[in-house]
Structures are given as structure tokens and as C-alpha cells.
Amino acid sequence: MAYRTFTMSELEGRAPYRLLTGLVIPRPIAWVSTLDERGVLNLAPHSFFTVASADPPVVQFTSVGRKDSLRNVEATGEFVVNLASRSLLEEMNTTATTVGPDVDEFDLAGLTPEPSVHVRPPRVAEAPAALECVVHDVIPVGNSFVVMGRVVAAVVDEAALDGDRPREDVVDPLGRLSGSRYVTYGETVTLPRPE
């Protein structure tokens, strides 16, 4: 094989971003719903998202730049991570539109805000699952902010459960690739961890 080395400090503009988001794939999407201090709804996808801790249960998403989601989380201390399924691709993409902070993305995308159980921001009623979170920490990293949220409740559609375990084939999660490309649930390979 022939390899090429990309020295990050020598890349210009958005080249490091394009390279990293083309290699670290697929990335799950945190479809984050928040409220601002006046009660205006915000809903935006963030494709830098993962579990940070199981005990305590903490998830994290990254705001690249200071966006409405971040400002609302800092102001109110709460947010909801909705899981976007394949059937919600168009709506999720619509909520990525750059609009002013007074625009309600739920309304923009034709989605239904459903009251949460433990936090003020609503969840997306059409989503198969949602994680209600309170802010654990916000960590600045370069031009980004890692938002860590302690999960206080997980709301999961009964149809997407096998006992108490989520069924990924029913959740049918979206994953972000590079550019405008997404991947959906596909072939699953089961391989037990070695002892």
C-alpha cells in the first residue's frame, strides 16, 4: 500500500475538518432540542456525539462554534438528545438550516414538540428515542465546545425495544459521513469479545 501523510498544521482552511469528518465515520447524530431563556424552541443536529460515561450516565455532543444549542444549554442547563431515524432524514436536515435564534426549528421542519418528563426542553415526538439531559460540563476545545449532559431519563418507543434493550433495526439510526452523505442501518456483524 502507498500512504500519504497529512500534517495538520500544514493544511489550510477547512481541510483538517474535511479530512477528520471523512475518516471518523459513521458518526451518530445528536439531534439536540433546547429552549432559550424566553422559551423559544431550538432543534439542531450535531454529528460529533457519543457516550462519555455509563456511571454516571453522561453523553456528549460538540458545538462547532458558538451556536444556539450551546447558548441555550449554557443559559438553562438542560437539553434533550433526540435520535434521528432514517424516516426523519429530511426533517433532521431541515433543522440544520442556518436561521436566527427566534426561529422555531420544530415548526420549520413540521415536527411535534412533546413535553419531556424531567427537563423543560421538549423532545421530538416523531423520534424513536430521546435522552433528557442536565448539563454536567461544557468544555471549550479550540473553536468548539464539548457539551456533556447527565442523562436523567431515556424515553424509548415501546416498538423499538426488545425487553429493556433497544432494537437498532427499529430505531434505524442515521449516521453522518463526510459532506452531505449519511448512512443508515445496514448489515450487522456479531463478534463476541475474546476472553
Foldseek 3Di string as FASTA:
>chain_A
DDDDDDDPVPDDDCVVVLVVLQVPDFFFKFFKWFAAPVGAIATAIFRQKDFDDVVQTKIKGKDQACDPRNNRCVRFQWMKGFFDAPVCVVLNVQSNDDDDPNDHSCVSSVFDFDQDDPDGTGYTPPQQKMFIWGWPDWDDDVSMIMTMTRGPDMDGHPVQDDPNDGNQVVNFGWTDHGDPDIDTDDDDDDDDDDD
